[in-house]
Amino acid sequence: MQEATSIGGNLMLAPLVAMMRLPLMAMDAGSGQPWNTETVRAVNEKTVAMAEGAFAAHMSILQSVSRFWPEVFSGRTPSLFNGVAAELSIGAALKPASRAVKANFHRLSNKA
């Protein structure tokens, strides 16, 4: 629960990060050279966070699949059926984006 709260708190910084990043990207656009530093960084960070999140979500589901029969044989409801697997997968998928938003907030806060 604490991890979910931390992820949610970090992701709530996303609008602030966008607002801090827009003037830097506007300066990049005014320089006449496409794909300057801040624009490249923004695209790269989002792509990396998306790929890491997708991989983490898949690994989380695979772990839940590997626990299916042990859960059935122990008399418990498999996590694939009771929503626990989906919850863990979503948390794993959002964690990389959360880290990136928090890091960007700190980096851009220091520039201001």
N, C-alpha and C. Protein backbone atom coordinates (compact mmCIF):
# COMPACT_ATOMS: atom_id res chain seq x y z
N MET A 1 0.82 -1.19 0.00
CA MET A 1 0.00 0.00 0.00
C MET A 1 0.87 1.26 0.00
N GLN A 2 1.94 1.24 0.77
CA GLN A 2 2.81 2.41 0.83
C GLN A 2 3.48 2.65 -0.52
N GLU A 3 3.84 1.55 -1.21
CA GLU A 3 4.46 1.69 -2.52
C GLU A 3 3.48 2.31 -3.52
N ALA A 4 2.22 1.89 -3.47
CA ALA A 4 1.20 2.46 -4.36
C ALA A 4 1.01 3.95 -4.08
N THR A 5 1.04 4.32 -2.83
CA THR A 5 0.91 5.73 -2.46
C THR A 5 2.09 6.53 -2.98
N SER A 6 3.28 5.97 -2.87
CA SER A 6 4.48 6.63 -3.37
C SER A 6 4.42 6.80 -4.89
N ILE A 7 4.01 5.75 -5.59
CA ILE A 7 3.90 5.82 -7.05
C ILE A 7 2.87 6.88 -7.43
N GLY A 8 1.72 6.86 -6.77
CA GLY A 8 0.68 7.84 -7.07
C GLY A 8 1.14 9.26 -6.80
N GLY A 9 1.84 9.46 -5.69
CA GLY A 9 2.35 10.78 -5.37
C GLY A 9 3.35 11.29 -6.40
N ASN A 10 4.22 10.40 -6.83
CA ASN A 10 5.20 10.79 -7.84
C ASN A 10 4.53 11.12 -9.17
N LEU A 11 3.53 10.33 -9.55
CA LEU A 11 2.86 10.57 -10.83
C LEU A 11 2.02 11.85 -10.80
N MET A 12 1.65 12.30 -9.60
CA MET A 12 0.91 13.56 -9.50
C MET A 12 1.82 14.75 -9.82
N LEU A 13 3.11 14.54 -9.85
CA LEU A 13 4.06 15.59 -10.22
C LEU A 13 4.14 15.78 -11.73
N ALA A 14 3.55 14.88 -12.51
CA ALA A 14 3.67 14.92 -13.97
C ALA A 14 3.21 16.25 -14.57
N PRO A 15 2.06 16.83 -14.16
CA PRO A 15 1.69 18.13 -14.74
C PRO A 15 2.70 19.23 -14.43
N LEU A 16 3.28 19.19 -13.22
CA LEU A 16 4.30 20.19 -12.87
C LEU A 16 5.54 20.02 -13.73
N VAL A 17 5.92 18.77 -13.96
CA VAL A 17 7.09 18.50 -14.81
C VAL A 17 6.83 19.02 -16.22
N ALA A 18 5.63 18.79 -16.73
CA ALA A 18 5.29 19.28 -18.07
C ALA A 18 5.36 20.81 -18.11
N MET A 19 4.84 21.47 -17.07
CA MET A 19 4.87 22.93 -17.05
C MET A 19 6.30 23.48 -16.94
N MET A 20 7.17 22.77 -16.21
CA MET A 20 8.56 23.22 -16.09
C MET A 20 9.34 22.93 -17.37
N ARG A 21 8.92 21.90 -18.09
CA ARG A 21 9.66 21.50 -19.28
C ARG A 21 9.27 22.33 -20.50
N LEU A 22 8.04 22.85 -20.56
CA LEU A 22 7.58 23.58 -21.74
C LEU A 22 8.45 24.78 -22.10
N PRO A 23 8.85 25.64 -21.16
CA PRO A 23 9.71 26.76 -21.55
C PRO A 23 11.05 26.29 -22.13
N LEU A 24 11.60 25.22 -21.59
CA LEU A 24 12.87 24.70 -22.11
C LEU A 24 12.68 24.16 -23.53
N MET A 25 11.56 23.50 -23.76
CA MET A 25 11.29 22.97 -25.10
C MET A 25 10.98 24.11 -26.08
N ALA A 26 10.37 25.18 -25.58
CA ALA A 26 10.10 26.34 -26.44
C ALA A 26 11.42 27.00 -26.87
N MET A 27 12.37 27.08 -25.93
CA MET A 27 13.68 27.61 -26.30
C MET A 27 14.35 26.71 -27.33
N ASP A 28 14.20 25.39 -27.16
CA ASP A 28 14.75 24.45 -28.14
C ASP A 28 14.12 24.70 -29.51
N ALA A 29 12.81 24.91 -29.53
CA ALA A 29 12.11 25.12 -30.80
C ALA A 29 12.55 26.43 -31.45
N GLY A 30 12.81 27.45 -30.63
CA GLY A 30 13.24 28.74 -31.16
C GLY A 30 14.66 28.75 -31.69
N SER A 31 15.43 27.74 -31.36
CA SER A 31 16.82 27.72 -31.81
C SER A 31 16.95 27.33 -33.27
N GLY A 32 15.89 26.82 -33.86
CA GLY A 32 15.93 26.45 -35.27
C GLY A 32 16.47 25.06 -35.53
N GLN A 33 16.97 24.41 -34.52
CA GLN A 33 17.46 23.04 -34.68
C GLN A 33 16.46 22.08 -34.04
N PRO A 34 15.93 21.17 -34.85
CA PRO A 34 14.99 20.22 -34.26
C PRO A 34 15.73 19.23 -33.35
N TRP A 35 15.01 18.72 -32.39
CA TRP A 35 15.54 17.68 -31.51
C TRP A 35 16.74 18.16 -30.69
N ASN A 36 16.56 19.27 -30.02
CA ASN A 36 17.59 19.74 -29.11
C ASN A 36 17.52 18.97 -27.79
N THR A 37 18.33 19.36 -26.85
CA THR A 37 18.57 18.60 -25.61
C THR A 37 17.30 18.22 -24.88
N GLU A 38 16.46 19.19 -24.53
CA GLU A 38 15.29 18.89 -23.70
C GLU A 38 14.26 18.05 -24.45
N THR A 39 14.11 18.30 -25.73
CA THR A 39 13.16 17.52 -26.54
C THR A 39 13.61 16.07 -26.64
N VAL A 40 14.88 15.87 -26.90
CA VAL A 40 15.42 14.51 -26.98
C VAL A 40 15.29 13.81 -25.64
N ARG A 41 15.60 14.52 -24.58
CA ARG A 41 15.51 13.94 -23.24
C ARG A 41 14.07 13.54 -22.92
N ALA A 42 13.11 14.39 -23.26
CA ALA A 42 11.70 14.10 -22.99
C ALA A 42 11.24 12.85 -23.73
N VAL A 43 11.55 12.77 -25.01
CA VAL A 43 11.14 11.61 -25.81
C VAL A 43 11.84 10.35 -25.32
N ASN A 44 13.13 10.45 -25.05
CA ASN A 44 13.91 9.29 -24.61
C ASN A 44 13.40 8.77 -23.26
N GLU A 45 13.17 9.65 -22.31
CA GLU A 45 12.72 9.22 -20.98
C GLU A 45 11.36 8.54 -21.04
N LYS A 46 10.47 9.07 -21.86
CA LYS A 46 9.14 8.46 -21.98
C LYS A 46 9.22 7.08 -22.64
N THR A 47 10.05 6.97 -23.64
CA THR A 47 10.21 5.69 -24.34
C THR A 47 10.81 4.63 -23.42
N VAL A 48 11.83 5.02 -22.69
CA VAL A 48 12.48 4.08 -21.76
C VAL A 48 11.53 3.67 -20.65
N ALA A 49 10.80 4.63 -20.07
CA ALA A 49 9.86 4.31 -18.99
C ALA A 49 8.76 3.38 -19.50
N MET A 50 8.28 3.61 -20.73
CA MET A 50 7.24 2.75 -21.29
C MET A 50 7.76 1.33 -21.50
N ALA A 51 8.96 1.20 -22.05
CA ALA A 51 9.53 -0.13 -22.28
C ALA A 51 9.80 -0.85 -20.96
N GLU A 52 10.37 -0.15 -19.98
CA GLU A 52 10.62 -0.77 -18.68
C GLU A 52 9.32 -1.17 -18.00
N GLY A 53 8.31 -0.33 -18.11
CA GLY A 53 7.02 -0.64 -17.51
C GLY A 53 6.35 -1.84 -18.15
N ALA A 54 6.41 -1.92 -19.47
CA ALA A 54 5.82 -3.07 -20.17
C ALA A 54 6.54 -4.36 -19.78
N PHE A 55 7.86 -4.30 -19.70
CA PHE A 55 8.63 -5.48 -19.32
C PHE A 55 8.32 -5.90 -17.89
N ALA A 56 8.25 -4.92 -16.98
CA ALA A 56 7.96 -5.23 -15.58
C ALA A 56 6.56 -5.82 -15.42
N ALA A 57 5.60 -5.30 -16.18
CA ALA A 57 4.23 -5.84 -16.11
C ALA A 57 4.20 -7.28 -16.60
N HIS A 58 4.89 -7.55 -17.69
CA HIS A 58 4.93 -8.92 -18.22
C HIS A 58 5.61 -9.87 -17.24
N MET A 59 6.69 -9.44 -16.64
CA MET A 59 7.38 -10.29 -15.68
C MET A 59 6.50 -10.56 -14.46
N SER A 60 5.76 -9.58 -14.04
CA SER A 60 4.86 -9.75 -12.90
C SER A 60 3.77 -10.77 -13.22
N ILE A 61 3.21 -10.70 -14.41
CA ILE A 61 2.18 -11.67 -14.82
C ILE A 61 2.79 -13.07 -14.91
N LEU A 62 4.00 -13.16 -15.46
CA LEU A 62 4.66 -14.47 -15.54
C LEU A 62 4.90 -15.07 -14.16
N GLN A 63 5.25 -14.24 -13.19
CA GLN A 63 5.42 -14.74 -11.84
C GLN A 63 4.10 -15.24 -11.27
N SER A 64 3.02 -14.53 -11.56
CA SER A 64 1.70 -14.98 -11.10
C SER A 64 1.30 -16.28 -11.78
N VAL A 65 1.62 -16.43 -13.05
CA VAL A 65 1.32 -17.68 -13.77
C VAL A 65 2.11 -18.83 -13.15
N SER A 66 3.36 -18.57 -12.80
CA SER A 66 4.18 -19.64 -12.22
C SER A 66 3.68 -20.07 -10.84
N ARG A 67 2.93 -19.21 -10.17
CA ARG A 67 2.38 -19.55 -8.86
C ARG A 67 0.97 -20.14 -8.94
N PHE A 68 0.41 -20.28 -10.15
CA PHE A 68 -0.98 -20.72 -10.30
C PHE A 68 -1.25 -22.07 -9.63
N TRP A 69 -0.53 -23.10 -10.06
CA TRP A 69 -0.80 -24.44 -9.52
C TRP A 69 -0.45 -24.58 -8.05
N PRO A 70 0.65 -24.01 -7.57
CA PRO A 70 0.88 -24.07 -6.12
C PRO A 70 -0.26 -23.42 -5.32
N GLU A 71 -0.81 -22.32 -5.84
CA GLU A 71 -1.93 -21.68 -5.15
C GLU A 71 -3.17 -22.56 -5.18
N VAL A 72 -3.43 -23.20 -6.32
CA VAL A 72 -4.60 -24.09 -6.44
C VAL A 72 -4.45 -25.27 -5.49
N PHE A 73 -3.29 -25.90 -5.50
CA PHE A 73 -3.08 -27.10 -4.67
C PHE A 73 -3.06 -26.79 -3.18
N SER A 74 -2.77 -25.54 -2.83
CA SER A 74 -2.79 -25.19 -1.40
C SER A 74 -4.18 -24.72 -0.95
N GLY A 75 -5.14 -24.71 -1.87
CA GLY A 75 -6.50 -24.35 -1.52
C GLY A 75 -6.81 -22.87 -1.58
N ARG A 76 -5.88 -22.08 -2.09
CA ARG A 76 -6.11 -20.64 -2.20
C ARG A 76 -6.65 -20.31 -3.58
N THR A 77 -7.31 -19.18 -3.69
CA THR A 77 -7.76 -18.70 -5.00
C THR A 77 -6.53 -18.18 -5.74
N PRO A 78 -6.30 -18.64 -6.96
CA PRO A 78 -5.13 -18.16 -7.71
C PRO A 78 -5.16 -16.64 -7.91
N SER A 79 -4.00 -16.04 -7.81
CA SER A 79 -3.91 -14.59 -7.94
C SER A 79 -4.35 -14.11 -9.32
N LEU A 80 -4.30 -15.01 -10.31
CA LEU A 80 -4.79 -14.64 -11.63
C LEU A 80 -6.30 -14.46 -11.65
N PHE A 81 -7.00 -15.05 -10.70
CA PHE A 81 -8.46 -14.98 -10.66
C PHE A 81 -8.99 -13.94 -9.68
N ASN A 82 -8.26 -13.62 -8.65
CA ASN A 82 -8.80 -12.72 -7.63
C ASN A 82 -8.35 -11.26 -7.78
N GLY A 83 -7.63 -10.94 -8.81
CA GLY A 83 -7.22 -9.56 -9.07
C GLY A 83 -5.87 -9.17 -8.53
N VAL A 84 -5.27 -10.03 -7.71
CA VAL A 84 -3.96 -9.70 -7.14
C VAL A 84 -2.90 -9.60 -8.24
N ALA A 85 -2.95 -10.51 -9.21
CA ALA A 85 -1.97 -10.48 -10.30
C ALA A 85 -2.08 -9.19 -11.11
N ALA A 86 -3.30 -8.76 -11.37
CA ALA A 86 -3.49 -7.52 -12.13
C ALA A 86 -2.98 -6.32 -11.33
N GLU A 87 -3.26 -6.31 -10.05
CA GLU A 87 -2.81 -5.21 -9.19
C GLU A 87 -1.29 -5.15 -9.16
N LEU A 88 -0.63 -6.28 -8.99
CA LEU A 88 0.83 -6.30 -8.96
C LEU A 88 1.42 -5.89 -10.30
N SER A 89 0.78 -6.33 -11.38
CA SER A 89 1.25 -5.99 -12.72
C SER A 89 1.14 -4.49 -12.99
N ILE A 90 0.03 -3.91 -12.59
CA ILE A 90 -0.14 -2.46 -12.80
C ILE A 90 0.87 -1.68 -11.97
N GLY A 91 1.09 -2.09 -10.75
CA GLY A 91 2.09 -1.43 -9.91
C GLY A 91 3.48 -1.52 -10.52
N ALA A 92 3.81 -2.70 -11.04
CA ALA A 92 5.12 -2.88 -11.67
C ALA A 92 5.25 -2.03 -12.93
N ALA A 93 4.16 -1.89 -13.68
CA ALA A 93 4.19 -1.11 -14.91
C ALA A 93 4.34 0.38 -14.63
N LEU A 94 3.76 0.87 -13.55
CA LEU A 94 3.81 2.30 -13.25
C LEU A 94 5.08 2.74 -12.53
N LYS A 95 5.79 1.81 -11.94
CA LYS A 95 6.97 2.18 -11.15
C LYS A 95 8.04 2.91 -11.97
N PRO A 96 8.41 2.46 -13.19
CA PRO A 96 9.43 3.19 -13.95
C PRO A 96 9.00 4.61 -14.31
N ALA A 97 7.73 4.80 -14.67
CA ALA A 97 7.24 6.14 -14.99
C ALA A 97 7.29 7.02 -13.75
N SER A 98 6.94 6.44 -12.61
CA SER A 98 6.97 7.18 -11.35
C SER A 98 8.39 7.66 -11.04
N ARG A 99 9.36 6.78 -11.20
CA ARG A 99 10.76 7.15 -10.94
C ARG A 99 11.21 8.26 -11.89
N ALA A 100 10.82 8.15 -13.17
CA ALA A 100 11.23 9.15 -14.16
C ALA A 100 10.62 10.51 -13.85
N VAL A 101 9.34 10.54 -13.48
CA VAL A 101 8.68 11.80 -13.16
C VAL A 101 9.34 12.45 -11.95
N LYS A 102 9.61 11.66 -10.93
CA LYS A 102 10.24 12.21 -9.71
C LYS A 102 11.63 12.76 -10.03
N ALA A 103 12.41 12.01 -10.80
CA ALA A 103 13.76 12.47 -11.17
C ALA A 103 13.69 13.75 -12.01
N ASN A 104 12.74 13.82 -12.94
CA ASN A 104 12.59 15.02 -13.76
C ASN A 104 12.19 16.22 -12.91
N PHE A 105 11.28 15.99 -11.96
CA PHE A 105 10.85 17.08 -11.09
C PHE A 105 12.04 17.65 -10.34
N HIS A 106 12.87 16.78 -9.78
CA HIS A 106 14.03 17.26 -9.03
C HIS A 106 15.04 17.96 -9.94
N ARG A 107 15.28 17.40 -11.12
CA ARG A 107 16.22 17.99 -12.05
C ARG A 107 15.75 19.36 -12.52
N LEU A 108 14.45 19.44 -12.90
CA LEU A 108 13.93 20.71 -13.42
C LEU A 108 13.76 21.74 -12.31
N SER A 109 13.49 21.30 -11.09
CA SER A 109 13.38 22.22 -9.96
C SER A 109 14.72 22.91 -9.69
N ASN A 110 15.79 22.20 -9.90
CA ASN A 110 17.12 22.77 -9.67
C ASN A 110 17.51 23.77 -10.74
N LYS A 111 16.90 23.67 -11.95
CA LYS A 111 17.20 24.62 -13.03
C LYS A 111 16.50 25.95 -12.82
N ALA A 112 15.40 25.93 -12.07
CA ALA A 112 14.61 27.17 -11.91
C ALA A 112 15.21 28.12 -10.92
